[in-house]
Amino acid sequence: MDAVDMIRSGGFEVVEAKDADEAIEILERRLDITVVFTDVHMPGSMDGLKLAAAIRGRWPPIKIVATSGRARLSAEDLPSGSRFLTKPYSAREIVGTLREVTNSF
């Protein structure tokens, strides 16, 4: 199961973006997005850390969950209030984290 399937199976609507640039375009058009789940290592003009910083600067209420199988991040590496999941993660871990950050239990 990939992350999209795990998140959908947890009852969340998923909007996919192929890279950070497309994610920004989607956020500019959609006002209903409350959380962004991003990989630290992603294609495009910015990585997941830069995307997280851009989101925090432009859309402060949006929650951010970042993941990586290579990087090990601390709280200081991400914008305040963000969460980090190490790969591999289970469906229970990802859905639980998303429920925590969105307060939807």
N, C-alpha and C. Protein backbone atom coordinates (compact mmCIF):
# COMPACT_ATOMS: atom_id res chain seq x y z
N MET A 1 0.84 -1.18 0.00
CA MET A 1 0.00 0.00 0.00
C MET A 1 0.89 1.24 0.00
N ASP A 2 0.57 2.19 -0.86
CA ASP A 2 1.34 3.43 -0.81
C ASP A 2 0.62 4.45 0.07
N ALA A 3 1.27 5.57 0.29
CA ALA A 3 0.74 6.58 1.21
C ALA A 3 -0.66 7.06 0.81
N VAL A 4 -0.88 7.26 -0.47
CA VAL A 4 -2.20 7.73 -0.93
C VAL A 4 -3.28 6.74 -0.53
N ASP A 5 -3.02 5.45 -0.78
CA ASP A 5 -4.01 4.42 -0.42
C ASP A 5 -4.22 4.37 1.08
N MET A 6 -3.14 4.49 1.85
CA MET A 6 -3.25 4.46 3.31
C MET A 6 -4.10 5.62 3.81
N ILE A 7 -3.86 6.79 3.26
CA ILE A 7 -4.57 7.99 3.71
C ILE A 7 -6.05 7.90 3.32
N ARG A 8 -6.31 7.48 2.09
CA ARG A 8 -7.71 7.30 1.65
C ARG A 8 -8.43 6.27 2.51
N SER A 9 -7.74 5.17 2.82
CA SER A 9 -8.39 4.13 3.62
C SER A 9 -8.69 4.62 5.03
N GLY A 10 -8.01 5.68 5.45
CA GLY A 10 -8.27 6.28 6.76
C GLY A 10 -9.42 7.26 6.73
N GLY A 11 -10.03 7.45 5.56
CA GLY A 11 -11.20 8.31 5.46
C GLY A 11 -10.90 9.74 5.05
N PHE A 12 -9.68 10.01 4.63
CA PHE A 12 -9.30 11.37 4.21
C PHE A 12 -9.42 11.50 2.70
N GLU A 13 -9.80 12.69 2.25
CA GLU A 13 -9.76 13.00 0.82
C GLU A 13 -8.31 13.31 0.47
N VAL A 14 -7.86 12.82 -0.67
CA VAL A 14 -6.48 13.01 -1.08
C VAL A 14 -6.43 13.79 -2.39
N VAL A 15 -5.58 14.80 -2.42
CA VAL A 15 -5.28 15.54 -3.63
C VAL A 15 -3.79 15.37 -3.87
N GLU A 16 -3.43 14.74 -4.99
CA GLU A 16 -2.02 14.46 -5.26
C GLU A 16 -1.36 15.54 -6.09
N ALA A 17 -0.07 15.75 -5.82
CA ALA A 17 0.75 16.67 -6.61
C ALA A 17 2.04 15.94 -6.98
N LYS A 18 2.50 16.12 -8.20
CA LYS A 18 3.70 15.40 -8.65
C LYS A 18 4.98 16.01 -8.10
N ASP A 19 4.92 17.29 -7.71
CA ASP A 19 6.09 17.96 -7.15
C ASP A 19 5.63 19.17 -6.33
N ALA A 20 6.59 19.86 -5.74
CA ALA A 20 6.26 20.99 -4.87
C ALA A 20 5.60 22.12 -5.64
N ASP A 21 6.02 22.34 -6.87
CA ASP A 21 5.42 23.42 -7.67
C ASP A 21 3.93 23.17 -7.90
N GLU A 22 3.58 21.94 -8.23
CA GLU A 22 2.17 21.61 -8.41
C GLU A 22 1.41 21.71 -7.09
N ALA A 23 2.05 21.33 -6.00
CA ALA A 23 1.41 21.45 -4.68
C ALA A 23 1.06 22.91 -4.38
N ILE A 24 1.98 23.81 -4.67
CA ILE A 24 1.72 25.25 -4.45
C ILE A 24 0.56 25.71 -5.33
N GLU A 25 0.54 25.28 -6.60
CA GLU A 25 -0.56 25.66 -7.50
C GLU A 25 -1.90 25.18 -6.95
N ILE A 26 -1.93 23.96 -6.44
CA ILE A 26 -3.17 23.42 -5.88
C ILE A 26 -3.59 24.24 -4.66
N LEU A 27 -2.65 24.55 -3.78
CA LEU A 27 -2.97 25.33 -2.58
C LEU A 27 -3.47 26.73 -2.93
N GLU A 28 -3.00 27.28 -4.02
CA GLU A 28 -3.47 28.60 -4.45
C GLU A 28 -4.92 28.55 -4.93
N ARG A 29 -5.35 27.41 -5.45
CA ARG A 29 -6.71 27.25 -5.97
C ARG A 29 -7.71 26.71 -4.96
N ARG A 30 -7.23 25.92 -4.01
CA ARG A 30 -8.13 25.22 -3.11
C ARG A 30 -8.00 25.75 -1.69
N LEU A 31 -9.11 26.19 -1.15
CA LEU A 31 -9.11 26.73 0.20
C LEU A 31 -9.50 25.69 1.25
N ASP A 32 -9.80 24.48 0.80
CA ASP A 32 -10.28 23.45 1.72
C ASP A 32 -9.19 22.49 2.21
N ILE A 33 -7.96 22.70 1.81
CA ILE A 33 -6.87 21.81 2.23
C ILE A 33 -6.40 22.21 3.62
N THR A 34 -6.38 21.24 4.52
CA THR A 34 -6.02 21.52 5.91
C THR A 34 -4.70 20.92 6.34
N VAL A 35 -4.20 19.93 5.56
CA VAL A 35 -2.93 19.29 5.90
C VAL A 35 -2.22 18.89 4.61
N VAL A 36 -0.90 19.04 4.62
CA VAL A 36 -0.08 18.61 3.49
C VAL A 36 0.88 17.53 4.00
N PHE A 37 0.89 16.41 3.30
CA PHE A 37 1.80 15.30 3.58
C PHE A 37 2.84 15.30 2.47
N THR A 38 4.10 15.49 2.82
CA THR A 38 5.15 15.62 1.81
C THR A 38 6.37 14.78 2.14
N ASP A 39 7.02 14.32 1.10
CA ASP A 39 8.29 13.64 1.27
C ASP A 39 9.38 14.73 1.30
N VAL A 40 10.38 14.54 2.11
CA VAL A 40 11.49 15.50 2.17
C VAL A 40 12.21 15.53 0.83
N HIS A 41 12.40 14.37 0.22
CA HIS A 41 13.10 14.28 -1.06
C HIS A 41 12.08 14.15 -2.17
N MET A 42 11.88 15.25 -2.90
CA MET A 42 10.91 15.24 -3.97
C MET A 42 11.43 16.04 -5.16
N PRO A 43 10.92 15.77 -6.35
CA PRO A 43 11.38 16.51 -7.53
C PRO A 43 10.81 17.92 -7.56
N GLY A 44 11.35 18.72 -8.46
CA GLY A 44 10.84 20.06 -8.64
C GLY A 44 11.82 21.11 -8.15
N SER A 45 11.35 22.33 -8.09
CA SER A 45 12.22 23.46 -7.75
C SER A 45 12.53 23.54 -6.26
N MET A 46 11.82 22.77 -5.44
CA MET A 46 12.09 22.78 -4.00
C MET A 46 11.84 21.39 -3.43
N ASP A 47 12.56 21.09 -2.37
CA ASP A 47 12.34 19.81 -1.69
C ASP A 47 11.21 19.97 -0.68
N GLY A 48 10.92 18.91 0.05
CA GLY A 48 9.82 18.93 1.01
C GLY A 48 10.02 19.91 2.14
N LEU A 49 11.27 20.15 2.54
CA LEU A 49 11.53 21.12 3.62
C LEU A 49 11.24 22.54 3.15
N LYS A 50 11.65 22.85 1.93
CA LYS A 50 11.36 24.19 1.39
C LYS A 50 9.86 24.35 1.15
N LEU A 51 9.22 23.28 0.70
CA LEU A 51 7.76 23.33 0.53
C LEU A 51 7.08 23.59 1.87
N ALA A 52 7.51 22.90 2.91
CA ALA A 52 6.93 23.11 4.24
C ALA A 52 7.09 24.56 4.70
N ALA A 53 8.27 25.13 4.47
CA ALA A 53 8.51 26.53 4.85
C ALA A 53 7.63 27.47 4.04
N ALA A 54 7.47 27.19 2.74
CA ALA A 54 6.62 28.04 1.90
C ALA A 54 5.16 27.97 2.35
N ILE A 55 4.71 26.77 2.68
CA ILE A 55 3.33 26.61 3.15
C ILE A 55 3.13 27.37 4.45
N ARG A 56 4.05 27.22 5.38
CA ARG A 56 3.91 27.92 6.67
C ARG A 56 3.88 29.43 6.46
N GLY A 57 4.68 29.94 5.53
CA GLY A 57 4.71 31.38 5.27
C GLY A 57 3.45 31.91 4.62
N ARG A 58 2.87 31.15 3.70
CA ARG A 58 1.70 31.62 2.95
C ARG A 58 0.37 31.15 3.52
N TRP A 59 0.35 29.97 4.10
CA TRP A 59 -0.88 29.38 4.62
C TRP A 59 -0.63 28.84 6.03
N PRO A 60 -0.44 29.71 6.99
CA PRO A 60 -0.07 29.27 8.35
C PRO A 60 -1.00 28.23 8.99
N PRO A 61 -2.31 28.24 8.72
CA PRO A 61 -3.16 27.25 9.38
C PRO A 61 -2.98 25.82 8.87
N ILE A 62 -2.41 25.65 7.67
CA ILE A 62 -2.26 24.31 7.11
C ILE A 62 -1.23 23.52 7.91
N LYS A 63 -1.61 22.32 8.30
CA LYS A 63 -0.72 21.43 9.03
C LYS A 63 0.20 20.73 8.05
N ILE A 64 1.40 20.38 8.50
CA ILE A 64 2.39 19.75 7.64
C ILE A 64 2.89 18.47 8.29
N VAL A 65 2.87 17.40 7.50
CA VAL A 65 3.47 16.14 7.92
C VAL A 65 4.50 15.79 6.85
N ALA A 66 5.75 15.66 7.24
CA ALA A 66 6.83 15.32 6.32
C ALA A 66 7.32 13.92 6.61
N THR A 67 7.87 13.29 5.58
CA THR A 67 8.39 11.94 5.73
C THR A 67 9.68 11.78 4.94
N SER A 68 10.48 10.81 5.35
CA SER A 68 11.69 10.48 4.62
C SER A 68 12.19 9.13 5.08
N GLY A 69 12.79 8.41 4.17
CA GLY A 69 13.46 7.17 4.52
C GLY A 69 14.95 7.35 4.64
N ARG A 70 15.43 8.53 4.23
CA ARG A 70 16.87 8.82 4.26
C ARG A 70 17.24 9.83 5.33
N ALA A 71 16.46 10.87 5.45
CA ALA A 71 16.78 11.95 6.39
C ALA A 71 16.19 11.66 7.76
N ARG A 72 16.85 12.09 8.76
CA ARG A 72 16.33 12.05 10.13
C ARG A 72 16.22 13.49 10.58
N LEU A 73 15.01 13.94 10.81
CA LEU A 73 14.77 15.34 11.14
C LEU A 73 14.40 15.51 12.60
N SER A 74 14.69 16.68 13.11
CA SER A 74 14.26 17.05 14.46
C SER A 74 13.19 18.13 14.32
N ALA A 75 12.60 18.50 15.43
CA ALA A 75 11.55 19.52 15.43
C ALA A 75 12.05 20.84 14.85
N GLU A 76 13.32 21.13 15.00
CA GLU A 76 13.88 22.39 14.51
C GLU A 76 14.02 22.42 12.99
N ASP A 77 14.00 21.27 12.34
CA ASP A 77 14.17 21.19 10.89
C ASP A 77 12.89 21.53 10.13
N LEU A 78 11.76 21.48 10.80
CA LEU A 78 10.47 21.73 10.17
C LEU A 78 9.81 22.95 10.81
N PRO A 79 8.86 23.58 10.10
CA PRO A 79 8.13 24.69 10.70
C PRO A 79 7.41 24.26 11.98
N SER A 80 7.20 25.18 12.86
CA SER A 80 6.54 24.93 14.14
C SER A 80 5.21 24.20 13.93
N GLY A 81 4.99 23.19 14.76
CA GLY A 81 3.74 22.45 14.70
C GLY A 81 3.72 21.33 13.67
N SER A 82 4.78 21.19 12.89
CA SER A 82 4.84 20.14 11.87
C SER A 82 5.19 18.81 12.52
N ARG A 83 4.91 17.75 11.82
CA ARG A 83 5.23 16.40 12.29
C ARG A 83 6.14 15.71 11.28
N PHE A 84 6.94 14.76 11.75
CA PHE A 84 7.82 13.98 10.89
C PHE A 84 7.59 12.50 11.12
N LEU A 85 7.46 11.75 10.02
CA LEU A 85 7.33 10.30 10.07
C LEU A 85 8.49 9.67 9.30
N THR A 86 9.14 8.74 9.93
CA THR A 86 10.23 8.01 9.28
C THR A 86 9.66 6.87 8.46
N LYS A 87 10.16 6.70 7.25
CA LYS A 87 9.78 5.55 6.43
C LYS A 87 10.60 4.35 6.88
N PRO A 88 10.07 3.19 6.81
CA PRO A 88 8.70 2.88 6.41
C PRO A 88 7.73 3.13 7.57
N TYR A 89 6.55 3.54 7.24
CA TYR A 89 5.51 3.77 8.23
C TYR A 89 4.33 2.88 7.90
N SER A 90 3.53 2.63 8.88
CA SER A 90 2.34 1.80 8.66
C SER A 90 1.13 2.70 8.38
N ALA A 91 0.08 2.08 7.88
CA ALA A 91 -1.17 2.82 7.65
C ALA A 91 -1.66 3.39 8.97
N ARG A 92 -1.53 2.62 10.04
CA ARG A 92 -1.98 3.10 11.36
C ARG A 92 -1.21 4.34 11.79
N GLU A 93 0.10 4.35 11.55
CA GLU A 93 0.92 5.51 11.93
C GLU A 93 0.54 6.76 11.14
N ILE A 94 0.41 6.61 9.84
CA ILE A 94 0.12 7.79 9.02
C ILE A 94 -1.28 8.32 9.29
N VAL A 95 -2.26 7.43 9.37
CA VAL A 95 -3.63 7.87 9.63
C VAL A 95 -3.73 8.45 11.04
N GLY A 96 -3.08 7.83 12.00
CA GLY A 96 -3.10 8.36 13.37
C GLY A 96 -2.49 9.75 13.45
N THR A 97 -1.38 9.95 12.75
CA THR A 97 -0.73 11.27 12.74
C THR A 97 -1.64 12.30 12.09
N LEU A 98 -2.26 11.95 10.96
CA LEU A 98 -3.15 12.90 10.30
C LEU A 98 -4.37 13.22 11.17
N ARG A 99 -4.88 12.25 11.86
CA ARG A 99 -6.01 12.51 12.77
C ARG A 99 -5.59 13.42 13.91
N GLU A 100 -4.40 13.22 14.42
CA GLU A 100 -3.90 14.08 15.50
C GLU A 100 -3.77 15.53 15.04
N VAL A 101 -3.14 15.74 13.89
CA VAL A 101 -2.90 17.12 13.45
C VAL A 101 -4.17 17.83 12.99
N THR A 102 -5.17 17.04 12.57
CA THR A 102 -6.43 17.65 12.13
C THR A 102 -7.51 17.58 13.19
N ASN A 103 -7.20 16.99 14.32
CA ASN A 103 -8.17 16.81 15.40
C ASN A 103 -9.43 16.10 14.93
N SER A 104 -9.26 15.09 14.08
CA SER A 104 -10.42 14.33 13.58
C SER A 104 -10.28 12.88 14.02
N PHE A 105 -10.92 12.57 15.14
CA PHE A 105 -10.82 11.21 15.69
C PHE A 105 -12.08 10.45 15.44
